[in-house]
Amino acid sequence: MDYRLGTVIIGSLLSTCAWSAQYEVQVRVIVERGCQLVGTHRDAGVDYLGQLDFGSTARLDGPSAPLSATLINGRLPRLECNPDTTYQIQVDGGQHGGTADVRYLALGPGSPPIPYRLFRDPARQIPLLVDVPVSGRVPDTGSVELPLYGRIEPLAQIPSVGLYADLLKVTLTW
């Protein structure tokens, strides 16, 4: 017998042998814990969650009070994470300060501010306290909506005419 690479010669019969080899390839992915905030937009370099707009009214001491507001945004902001990820949301006291669950809308210097409250639920039963983190856990869906609800209670005094405003800083950690 004469052996040559890949060819076996037996007498006058020429035959080609097929060689094969099997190899393994390891395939893997590491899924790390992480989140992304969806439904925000940038305005002048700042991430913007939306606006709480109480609308307009002539008085805040009568039948038109209390006024309610819900976060306005084209898409409600939500946190998308791996299921079972813990997160915290914290809202500061705004530009005009606040304590406990009261924050303030202001017209300008020397004008009395209008107090308002923030809530986590549409029934406005669960307040968001000033600078107190609220913890949660991402459900199996992997998504948590981040709604904000506000309310202005009836006031004893009639506020001056004008646009009252505040700016809140919302901090999310995960």
N, C-alpha and C. Protein backbone atom coordinates (compact mmCIF):
# COMPACT_ATOMS: atom_id res chain seq x y z
N MET A 1 0.82 -1.17 0.00
CA MET A 1 0.00 0.00 0.00
C MET A 1 0.87 1.24 0.00
N ASP A 2 0.44 2.16 -0.75
CA ASP A 2 1.15 3.42 -0.82
C ASP A 2 0.21 4.49 -0.26
N TYR A 3 0.60 5.17 0.83
CA TYR A 3 -0.27 6.19 1.45
C TYR A 3 0.12 7.56 0.97
N ARG A 4 -0.84 8.29 0.56
CA ARG A 4 -0.65 9.69 0.20
C ARG A 4 -1.75 10.48 0.88
N LEU A 5 -1.52 11.72 1.02
CA LEU A 5 -2.46 12.59 1.71
C LEU A 5 -3.84 12.53 1.07
N GLY A 6 -4.79 11.97 1.78
CA GLY A 6 -6.17 11.94 1.33
C GLY A 6 -6.46 10.93 0.25
N THR A 7 -5.49 10.22 -0.23
CA THR A 7 -5.74 9.28 -1.32
C THR A 7 -5.18 7.92 -0.92
N VAL A 8 -5.94 6.90 -1.17
CA VAL A 8 -5.50 5.53 -0.90
C VAL A 8 -5.45 4.81 -2.24
N ILE A 9 -4.33 4.22 -2.52
CA ILE A 9 -4.20 3.47 -3.76
C ILE A 9 -4.17 1.99 -3.39
N ILE A 10 -5.12 1.26 -3.87
CA ILE A 10 -5.16 -0.18 -3.63
C ILE A 10 -5.13 -0.84 -5.01
N GLY A 11 -4.03 -1.42 -5.28
CA GLY A 11 -3.90 -2.04 -6.60
C GLY A 11 -4.10 -0.99 -7.67
N SER A 12 -5.01 -1.26 -8.57
CA SER A 12 -5.28 -0.31 -9.63
C SER A 12 -6.52 0.52 -9.33
N LEU A 13 -7.16 0.29 -8.17
CA LEU A 13 -8.37 1.02 -7.79
C LEU A 13 -7.97 2.30 -7.07
N LEU A 14 -8.44 3.45 -7.56
CA LEU A 14 -8.14 4.74 -6.95
C LEU A 14 -9.36 5.18 -6.15
N SER A 15 -9.17 5.49 -4.86
CA SER A 15 -10.29 5.90 -4.01
C SER A 15 -9.86 7.13 -3.21
N THR A 16 -10.75 8.13 -3.09
CA THR A 16 -10.47 9.32 -2.29
C THR A 16 -11.22 9.20 -0.97
N CYS A 17 -10.54 9.38 0.14
CA CYS A 17 -11.16 9.32 1.46
C CYS A 17 -11.49 10.73 1.93
N ALA A 18 -12.62 10.88 2.57
CA ALA A 18 -13.00 12.16 3.15
C ALA A 18 -12.60 12.18 4.62
N TRP A 19 -11.95 13.24 5.02
CA TRP A 19 -11.54 13.40 6.40
C TRP A 19 -12.46 14.41 7.05
N SER A 20 -12.81 14.22 8.25
CA SER A 20 -13.64 15.19 8.96
C SER A 20 -13.15 15.31 10.39
N ALA A 21 -13.46 16.45 10.94
CA ALA A 21 -13.12 16.69 12.34
C ALA A 21 -14.25 17.50 12.95
N GLN A 22 -14.52 17.31 14.19
CA GLN A 22 -15.55 18.07 14.87
C GLN A 22 -14.89 18.96 15.91
N TYR A 23 -15.39 20.20 15.96
CA TYR A 23 -14.87 21.17 16.92
C TYR A 23 -16.04 21.78 17.67
N GLU A 24 -15.78 22.31 18.83
CA GLU A 24 -16.81 22.98 19.60
C GLU A 24 -16.55 24.48 19.60
N VAL A 25 -17.63 25.24 19.55
CA VAL A 25 -17.55 26.69 19.66
C VAL A 25 -18.42 27.08 20.85
N GLN A 26 -17.83 27.77 21.78
CA GLN A 26 -18.58 28.22 22.94
C GLN A 26 -19.29 29.53 22.59
N VAL A 27 -20.57 29.60 22.87
CA VAL A 27 -21.38 30.79 22.63
C VAL A 27 -21.92 31.24 23.96
N ARG A 28 -21.80 32.55 24.27
CA ARG A 28 -22.26 33.00 25.57
C ARG A 28 -22.60 34.48 25.55
N VAL A 29 -23.34 34.90 26.53
CA VAL A 29 -23.63 36.31 26.76
C VAL A 29 -23.75 36.49 28.27
N ILE A 30 -23.27 37.61 28.74
CA ILE A 30 -23.41 37.96 30.15
C ILE A 30 -24.45 39.08 30.21
N VAL A 31 -25.54 38.82 30.89
CA VAL A 31 -26.58 39.83 31.06
C VAL A 31 -26.32 40.54 32.38
N GLU A 32 -25.96 41.80 32.28
CA GLU A 32 -25.66 42.58 33.47
C GLU A 32 -26.89 43.37 33.89
N ARG A 33 -26.95 43.67 35.15
CA ARG A 33 -28.05 44.46 35.67
C ARG A 33 -27.89 45.89 35.15
N GLY A 34 -28.96 46.42 34.64
CA GLY A 34 -28.91 47.78 34.12
C GLY A 34 -30.29 48.30 33.80
N CYS A 35 -30.37 49.60 33.59
CA CYS A 35 -31.64 50.26 33.31
C CYS A 35 -31.43 51.35 32.26
N GLN A 36 -32.54 51.75 31.68
CA GLN A 36 -32.54 52.93 30.81
C GLN A 36 -33.85 53.67 31.04
N LEU A 37 -33.77 54.96 30.98
CA LEU A 37 -34.95 55.80 31.16
C LEU A 37 -35.50 56.11 29.78
N VAL A 38 -36.77 55.80 29.57
CA VAL A 38 -37.43 55.96 28.28
C VAL A 38 -38.55 56.99 28.43
N GLY A 39 -38.74 57.80 27.40
CA GLY A 39 -39.84 58.77 27.43
C GLY A 39 -39.42 60.16 27.86
N THR A 40 -38.12 60.41 27.89
CA THR A 40 -37.64 61.75 28.21
C THR A 40 -37.20 62.43 26.92
N HIS A 41 -37.07 63.72 26.96
CA HIS A 41 -36.47 64.42 25.83
C HIS A 41 -35.54 65.49 26.38
N ARG A 42 -34.62 65.92 25.55
CA ARG A 42 -33.63 66.92 25.96
C ARG A 42 -34.09 68.30 25.53
N ASP A 43 -33.97 69.25 26.43
CA ASP A 43 -34.31 70.63 26.14
C ASP A 43 -33.17 71.48 26.69
N ALA A 44 -32.44 72.11 25.80
CA ALA A 44 -31.30 72.96 26.17
C ALA A 44 -30.28 72.18 27.00
N GLY A 45 -30.02 70.93 26.63
CA GLY A 45 -29.01 70.14 27.30
C GLY A 45 -29.46 69.48 28.59
N VAL A 46 -30.74 69.61 28.94
CA VAL A 46 -31.26 69.03 30.18
C VAL A 46 -32.27 67.95 29.82
N ASP A 47 -32.16 66.79 30.48
CA ASP A 47 -33.18 65.76 30.30
C ASP A 47 -34.46 66.23 30.97
N TYR A 48 -35.55 66.12 30.24
CA TYR A 48 -36.82 66.70 30.65
C TYR A 48 -37.86 65.60 30.76
N LEU A 49 -38.45 65.42 31.96
CA LEU A 49 -39.47 64.38 32.15
C LEU A 49 -40.85 64.81 31.69
N GLY A 50 -41.12 66.09 31.66
CA GLY A 50 -42.45 66.55 31.27
C GLY A 50 -42.84 67.78 32.09
N GLN A 51 -44.14 67.98 32.18
CA GLN A 51 -44.65 69.17 32.87
C GLN A 51 -45.90 68.82 33.67
N LEU A 52 -46.00 69.36 34.87
CA LEU A 52 -47.22 69.30 35.66
C LEU A 52 -47.92 70.64 35.45
N ASP A 53 -49.05 70.62 34.77
CA ASP A 53 -49.75 71.86 34.44
C ASP A 53 -51.10 71.87 35.16
N PHE A 54 -51.24 72.78 36.11
CA PHE A 54 -52.48 72.91 36.86
C PHE A 54 -53.55 73.70 36.08
N GLY A 55 -53.19 74.19 34.91
CA GLY A 55 -54.15 74.94 34.11
C GLY A 55 -54.26 76.39 34.57
N SER A 56 -55.44 76.96 34.40
CA SER A 56 -55.65 78.34 34.83
C SER A 56 -56.99 78.45 35.57
N THR A 57 -57.03 79.36 36.50
CA THR A 57 -58.23 79.60 37.31
C THR A 57 -58.19 81.03 37.82
N ALA A 58 -59.33 81.58 38.12
CA ALA A 58 -59.39 82.94 38.66
C ALA A 58 -59.15 82.96 40.17
N ARG A 59 -59.54 81.89 40.83
CA ARG A 59 -59.41 81.86 42.29
C ARG A 59 -59.02 80.46 42.74
N LEU A 60 -58.40 80.40 43.90
CA LEU A 60 -58.05 79.12 44.49
C LEU A 60 -58.70 78.93 45.86
N ASP A 61 -59.74 79.73 46.12
CA ASP A 61 -60.39 79.64 47.43
C ASP A 61 -61.85 79.18 47.32
N GLY A 62 -62.30 78.86 46.13
CA GLY A 62 -63.71 78.53 45.95
C GLY A 62 -63.94 77.15 45.38
N PRO A 63 -65.06 77.01 44.67
CA PRO A 63 -65.44 75.70 44.14
C PRO A 63 -64.48 75.14 43.09
N SER A 64 -63.65 75.98 42.49
CA SER A 64 -62.71 75.46 41.48
C SER A 64 -61.50 74.77 42.12
N ALA A 65 -61.34 74.91 43.43
CA ALA A 65 -60.23 74.26 44.12
C ALA A 65 -60.73 72.96 44.76
N PRO A 66 -59.94 71.95 44.93
CA PRO A 66 -58.53 71.88 44.60
C PRO A 66 -58.29 71.67 43.11
N LEU A 67 -57.12 72.07 42.68
CA LEU A 67 -56.70 71.83 41.30
C LEU A 67 -55.78 70.62 41.27
N SER A 68 -55.93 69.82 40.24
CA SER A 68 -55.09 68.63 40.09
C SER A 68 -54.30 68.71 38.80
N ALA A 69 -53.15 68.05 38.79
CA ALA A 69 -52.31 67.99 37.59
C ALA A 69 -51.69 66.60 37.49
N THR A 70 -51.47 66.18 36.26
CA THR A 70 -50.80 64.92 35.96
C THR A 70 -49.63 65.23 35.04
N LEU A 71 -48.56 64.50 35.20
CA LEU A 71 -47.38 64.71 34.36
C LEU A 71 -47.76 64.62 32.89
N ILE A 72 -47.45 65.69 32.14
CA ILE A 72 -47.75 65.75 30.71
C ILE A 72 -46.47 65.47 29.95
N ASN A 73 -46.56 64.49 29.08
CA ASN A 73 -45.42 64.12 28.24
C ASN A 73 -46.00 63.29 27.11
N GLY A 74 -45.42 63.37 25.92
CA GLY A 74 -45.90 62.57 24.80
C GLY A 74 -45.92 61.09 25.12
N ARG A 75 -44.92 60.63 25.84
CA ARG A 75 -44.84 59.25 26.33
C ARG A 75 -44.50 59.32 27.80
N LEU A 76 -45.32 58.67 28.61
CA LEU A 76 -45.07 58.69 30.05
C LEU A 76 -43.69 58.11 30.33
N PRO A 77 -42.86 58.82 31.08
CA PRO A 77 -41.52 58.31 31.38
C PRO A 77 -41.61 56.96 32.10
N ARG A 78 -40.70 56.08 31.74
CA ARG A 78 -40.65 54.80 32.42
C ARG A 78 -39.20 54.34 32.50
N LEU A 79 -38.96 53.53 33.49
CA LEU A 79 -37.66 52.95 33.72
C LEU A 79 -37.72 51.51 33.21
N GLU A 80 -36.83 51.15 32.28
CA GLU A 80 -36.78 49.79 31.76
C GLU A 80 -35.50 49.14 32.27
N CYS A 81 -35.68 48.06 33.00
CA CYS A 81 -34.56 47.38 33.67
C CYS A 81 -34.74 45.88 33.60
N ASN A 82 -33.73 45.18 34.08
CA ASN A 82 -33.87 43.75 34.29
C ASN A 82 -34.92 43.56 35.38
N PRO A 83 -35.76 42.54 35.25
CA PRO A 83 -36.71 42.26 36.32
C PRO A 83 -35.99 42.10 37.66
N ASP A 84 -36.65 42.50 38.71
CA ASP A 84 -36.17 42.39 40.08
C ASP A 84 -35.05 43.38 40.42
N THR A 85 -34.81 44.37 39.56
CA THR A 85 -33.84 45.42 39.86
C THR A 85 -34.48 46.40 40.85
N THR A 86 -33.74 46.78 41.87
CA THR A 86 -34.25 47.78 42.81
C THR A 86 -33.91 49.17 42.27
N TYR A 87 -34.79 50.12 42.53
CA TYR A 87 -34.56 51.50 42.10
C TYR A 87 -35.11 52.44 43.17
N GLN A 88 -34.71 53.70 43.08
CA GLN A 88 -35.23 54.74 43.96
C GLN A 88 -35.53 55.98 43.13
N ILE A 89 -36.60 56.67 43.50
CA ILE A 89 -36.93 57.96 42.91
C ILE A 89 -37.00 58.97 44.06
N GLN A 90 -36.42 60.13 43.81
CA GLN A 90 -36.39 61.19 44.83
C GLN A 90 -36.66 62.51 44.15
N VAL A 91 -37.54 63.32 44.74
CA VAL A 91 -37.89 64.62 44.19
C VAL A 91 -37.51 65.69 45.22
N ASP A 92 -36.77 66.69 44.77
CA ASP A 92 -36.33 67.73 45.70
C ASP A 92 -37.47 68.69 46.04
N GLY A 93 -37.14 69.75 46.78
CA GLY A 93 -38.13 70.73 47.21
C GLY A 93 -38.43 71.79 46.16
N GLY A 94 -37.78 71.71 45.01
CA GLY A 94 -38.03 72.69 43.95
C GLY A 94 -37.24 73.97 44.16
N GLN A 95 -37.45 74.92 43.27
CA GLN A 95 -36.71 76.20 43.33
C GLN A 95 -37.06 77.02 44.56
N HIS A 96 -38.24 76.83 45.10
CA HIS A 96 -38.71 77.69 46.19
C HIS A 96 -38.77 76.95 47.52
N GLY A 97 -38.10 75.81 47.58
CA GLY A 97 -38.02 75.06 48.82
C GLY A 97 -39.29 74.28 49.10
N GLY A 98 -39.23 73.55 50.14
CA GLY A 98 -40.37 72.74 50.55
C GLY A 98 -39.99 71.93 51.76
N THR A 99 -40.99 71.51 52.49
CA THR A 99 -40.77 70.65 53.64
C THR A 99 -41.90 69.62 53.68
N ALA A 100 -41.58 68.48 54.26
CA ALA A 100 -42.54 67.36 54.36
C ALA A 100 -43.05 67.03 52.97
N ASP A 101 -44.35 67.27 52.70
CA ASP A 101 -44.89 66.94 51.38
C ASP A 101 -45.36 68.19 50.63
N VAL A 102 -44.94 69.38 51.10
CA VAL A 102 -45.38 70.64 50.49
C VAL A 102 -44.22 71.30 49.74
N ARG A 103 -44.51 71.69 48.51
CA ARG A 103 -43.60 72.47 47.68
C ARG A 103 -44.33 73.75 47.30
N TYR A 104 -43.64 74.69 46.63
CA TYR A 104 -44.26 75.99 46.37
C TYR A 104 -44.09 76.45 44.92
N LEU A 105 -45.18 76.98 44.37
CA LEU A 105 -45.16 77.70 43.10
C LEU A 105 -45.02 79.17 43.44
N ALA A 106 -44.17 79.90 42.74
CA ALA A 106 -43.96 81.31 43.06
C ALA A 106 -44.15 82.17 41.82
N LEU A 107 -44.65 83.37 42.06
CA LEU A 107 -44.84 84.35 41.01
C LEU A 107 -43.59 85.21 40.86
N GLY A 108 -43.06 85.62 41.95
CA GLY A 108 -41.87 86.46 41.95
C GLY A 108 -41.56 86.91 43.36
N PRO A 109 -40.49 87.68 43.52
CA PRO A 109 -40.11 88.14 44.86
C PRO A 109 -41.22 88.97 45.50
N GLY A 110 -41.46 88.69 46.78
CA GLY A 110 -42.44 89.47 47.54
C GLY A 110 -43.88 88.99 47.39
N SER A 111 -44.14 88.12 46.45
CA SER A 111 -45.50 87.62 46.26
C SER A 111 -45.66 86.31 47.04
N PRO A 112 -46.77 86.14 47.74
CA PRO A 112 -46.94 84.88 48.49
C PRO A 112 -46.98 83.68 47.54
N PRO A 113 -46.26 82.62 47.88
CA PRO A 113 -46.25 81.43 47.01
C PRO A 113 -47.54 80.62 47.16
N ILE A 114 -47.75 79.74 46.22
CA ILE A 114 -48.90 78.83 46.27
C ILE A 114 -48.36 77.45 46.61
N PRO A 115 -48.80 76.87 47.74
CA PRO A 115 -48.33 75.53 48.09
C PRO A 115 -49.00 74.46 47.23
N TYR A 116 -48.24 73.41 46.95
CA TYR A 116 -48.80 72.26 46.23
C TYR A 116 -48.14 70.99 46.74
N ARG A 117 -48.75 69.86 46.43
CA ARG A 117 -48.24 68.56 46.86
C ARG A 117 -48.08 67.63 45.65
N LEU A 118 -47.11 66.73 45.75
CA LEU A 118 -46.89 65.70 44.72
C LEU A 118 -47.27 64.34 45.28
N PHE A 119 -47.76 63.49 44.36
CA PHE A 119 -48.18 62.14 44.74
C PHE A 119 -47.69 61.13 43.73
N ARG A 120 -47.61 59.87 44.17
CA ARG A 120 -47.19 58.78 43.29
C ARG A 120 -48.36 58.09 42.61
N ASP A 121 -49.57 58.33 43.07
CA ASP A 121 -50.73 57.59 42.57
C ASP A 121 -51.82 58.55 42.08
N PRO A 122 -52.64 58.10 41.12
CA PRO A 122 -53.68 58.98 40.56
C PRO A 122 -54.76 59.37 41.58
N ALA A 123 -54.95 58.57 42.62
CA ALA A 123 -55.93 58.92 43.66
C ALA A 123 -55.37 59.98 44.61
N ARG A 124 -54.10 60.30 44.45
CA ARG A 124 -53.41 61.29 45.28
C ARG A 124 -53.51 60.96 46.78
N GLN A 125 -53.15 59.71 47.05
CA GLN A 125 -53.15 59.22 48.43
C GLN A 125 -51.73 58.96 48.95
N ILE A 126 -50.77 58.73 48.03
CA ILE A 126 -49.40 58.39 48.44
C ILE A 126 -48.49 59.59 48.10
N PRO A 127 -48.18 60.42 49.11
CA PRO A 127 -47.39 61.63 48.83
C PRO A 127 -45.93 61.31 48.53
N LEU A 128 -45.31 62.19 47.75
CA LEU A 128 -43.86 62.17 47.52
C LEU A 128 -43.27 63.25 48.42
N LEU A 129 -42.62 62.83 49.48
CA LEU A 129 -42.03 63.77 50.42
C LEU A 129 -40.79 64.42 49.82
N VAL A 130 -40.50 65.64 50.27
CA VAL A 130 -39.35 66.39 49.79
C VAL A 130 -38.06 65.66 50.15
N ASP A 131 -37.24 65.38 49.13
CA ASP A 131 -35.92 64.76 49.28
C ASP A 131 -35.92 63.42 50.01
N VAL A 132 -37.03 62.71 50.00
CA VAL A 132 -37.09 61.38 50.61
C VAL A 132 -37.20 60.35 49.49
N PRO A 133 -36.18 59.49 49.35
CA PRO A 133 -36.22 58.50 48.27
C PRO A 133 -37.34 57.48 48.50
N VAL A 134 -37.97 57.09 47.41
CA VAL A 134 -38.99 56.05 47.44
C VAL A 134 -38.42 54.87 46.67
N SER A 135 -38.39 53.72 47.31
CA SER A 135 -37.80 52.53 46.70
C SER A 135 -38.86 51.68 46.02
N GLY A 136 -38.40 50.96 45.01
CA GLY A 136 -39.28 50.04 44.31
C GLY A 136 -38.46 48.93 43.70
N ARG A 137 -39.17 47.96 43.15
CA ARG A 137 -38.53 46.82 42.50
C ARG A 137 -39.20 46.64 41.15
N VAL A 138 -38.39 46.48 40.12
CA VAL A 138 -38.90 46.33 38.76
C VAL A 138 -39.59 44.97 38.64
N PRO A 139 -40.85 44.96 38.14
CA PRO A 139 -41.57 43.70 38.02
C PRO A 139 -41.04 42.85 36.85
N ASP A 140 -41.63 41.69 36.67
CA ASP A 140 -41.20 40.76 35.61
C ASP A 140 -41.35 41.34 34.21
N THR A 141 -42.20 42.35 34.04
CA THR A 141 -42.35 42.99 32.73
C THR A 141 -41.10 43.77 32.34
N GLY A 142 -40.26 44.13 33.33
CA GLY A 142 -39.04 44.88 33.06
C GLY A 142 -39.26 46.37 32.86
N SER A 143 -40.45 46.85 33.19
CA SER A 143 -40.77 48.26 32.95
C SER A 143 -41.58 48.84 34.11
N VAL A 144 -41.21 50.06 34.52
CA VAL A 144 -41.91 50.76 35.59
C VAL A 144 -42.23 52.16 35.10
N GLU A 145 -43.51 52.53 35.11
CA GLU A 145 -43.89 53.90 34.74
C GLU A 145 -43.55 54.83 35.90
N LEU A 146 -43.22 56.06 35.56
CA LEU A 146 -42.83 57.05 36.57
C LEU A 146 -43.79 58.23 36.53
N PRO A 147 -45.02 58.02 36.95
CA PRO A 147 -45.98 59.12 36.92
C PRO A 147 -45.77 60.07 38.09
N LEU A 148 -46.21 61.30 37.91
CA LEU A 148 -46.26 62.28 38.99
C LEU A 148 -47.64 62.92 38.95
N TYR A 149 -48.21 63.09 40.11
CA TYR A 149 -49.52 63.72 40.22
C TYR A 149 -49.41 64.86 41.22
N GLY A 150 -50.06 65.96 40.94
CA GLY A 150 -49.99 67.11 41.83
C GLY A 150 -51.37 67.59 42.23
N ARG A 151 -51.41 68.33 43.34
CA ARG A 151 -52.67 68.92 43.79
C ARG A 151 -52.40 70.22 44.53
N ILE A 152 -53.20 71.23 44.21
CA ILE A 152 -53.21 72.48 44.96
C ILE A 152 -54.50 72.48 45.78
N GLU A 153 -54.35 72.55 47.09
CA GLU A 153 -55.51 72.57 47.98
C GLU A 153 -56.14 73.97 47.97
N PRO A 154 -57.41 74.07 48.40
CA PRO A 154 -58.03 75.41 48.49
C PRO A 154 -57.20 76.33 49.39
N LEU A 155 -57.08 77.57 48.96
CA LEU A 155 -56.30 78.56 49.72
C LEU A 155 -57.24 79.52 50.45
N ALA A 156 -56.75 80.05 51.56
CA ALA A 156 -57.53 81.04 52.30
C ALA A 156 -57.43 82.41 51.63
N GLN A 157 -56.28 82.70 51.01
CA GLN A 157 -56.09 84.00 50.36
C GLN A 157 -56.26 83.86 48.85
N ILE A 158 -56.55 84.97 48.20
CA ILE A 158 -56.68 85.00 46.74
C ILE A 158 -55.32 85.43 46.20
N PRO A 159 -54.68 84.58 45.38
CA PRO A 159 -53.34 84.93 44.88
C PRO A 159 -53.39 86.04 43.84
N SER A 160 -52.29 86.75 43.71
CA SER A 160 -52.14 87.77 42.67
C SER A 160 -52.18 87.11 41.30
N VAL A 161 -52.57 87.90 40.30
CA VAL A 161 -52.64 87.41 38.93
C VAL A 161 -51.22 87.20 38.39
N GLY A 162 -50.99 86.10 37.65
CA GLY A 162 -49.69 85.85 37.03
C GLY A 162 -49.40 84.38 36.89
N LEU A 163 -48.27 84.08 36.31
CA LEU A 163 -47.83 82.70 36.12
C LEU A 163 -46.97 82.28 37.30
N TYR A 164 -47.45 81.34 38.05
CA TYR A 164 -46.72 80.77 39.18
C TYR A 164 -46.00 79.52 38.68
N ALA A 165 -44.75 79.36 39.05
CA ALA A 165 -43.99 78.23 38.51
C ALA A 165 -43.01 77.68 39.55
N ASP A 166 -42.57 76.48 39.30
CA ASP A 166 -41.54 75.83 40.09
C ASP A 166 -40.77 74.89 39.16
N LEU A 167 -39.59 74.52 39.56
CA LEU A 167 -38.79 73.58 38.78
C LEU A 167 -38.26 72.53 39.76
N LEU A 168 -38.59 71.27 39.48
CA LEU A 168 -38.20 70.17 40.36
C LEU A 168 -37.05 69.38 39.78
N LYS A 169 -36.22 68.86 40.65
CA LYS A 169 -35.16 67.94 40.23
C LYS A 169 -35.56 66.56 40.71
N VAL A 170 -35.66 65.62 39.76
CA VAL A 170 -36.01 64.24 40.06
C VAL A 170 -34.75 63.40 39.88
N THR A 171 -34.42 62.64 40.91
CA THR A 171 -33.23 61.79 40.88
C THR A 171 -33.65 60.34 40.89
N LEU A 172 -33.19 59.59 39.88
CA LEU A 172 -33.43 58.15 39.81
C LEU A 172 -32.12 57.42 40.03
N THR A 173 -32.15 56.42 40.89
CA THR A 173 -30.96 55.59 41.10
C THR A 173 -31.37 54.13 40.99
N TRP A 174 -30.45 53.32 40.51
CA TRP A 174 -30.68 51.88 40.40
C TRP A 174 -29.37 51.16 40.55
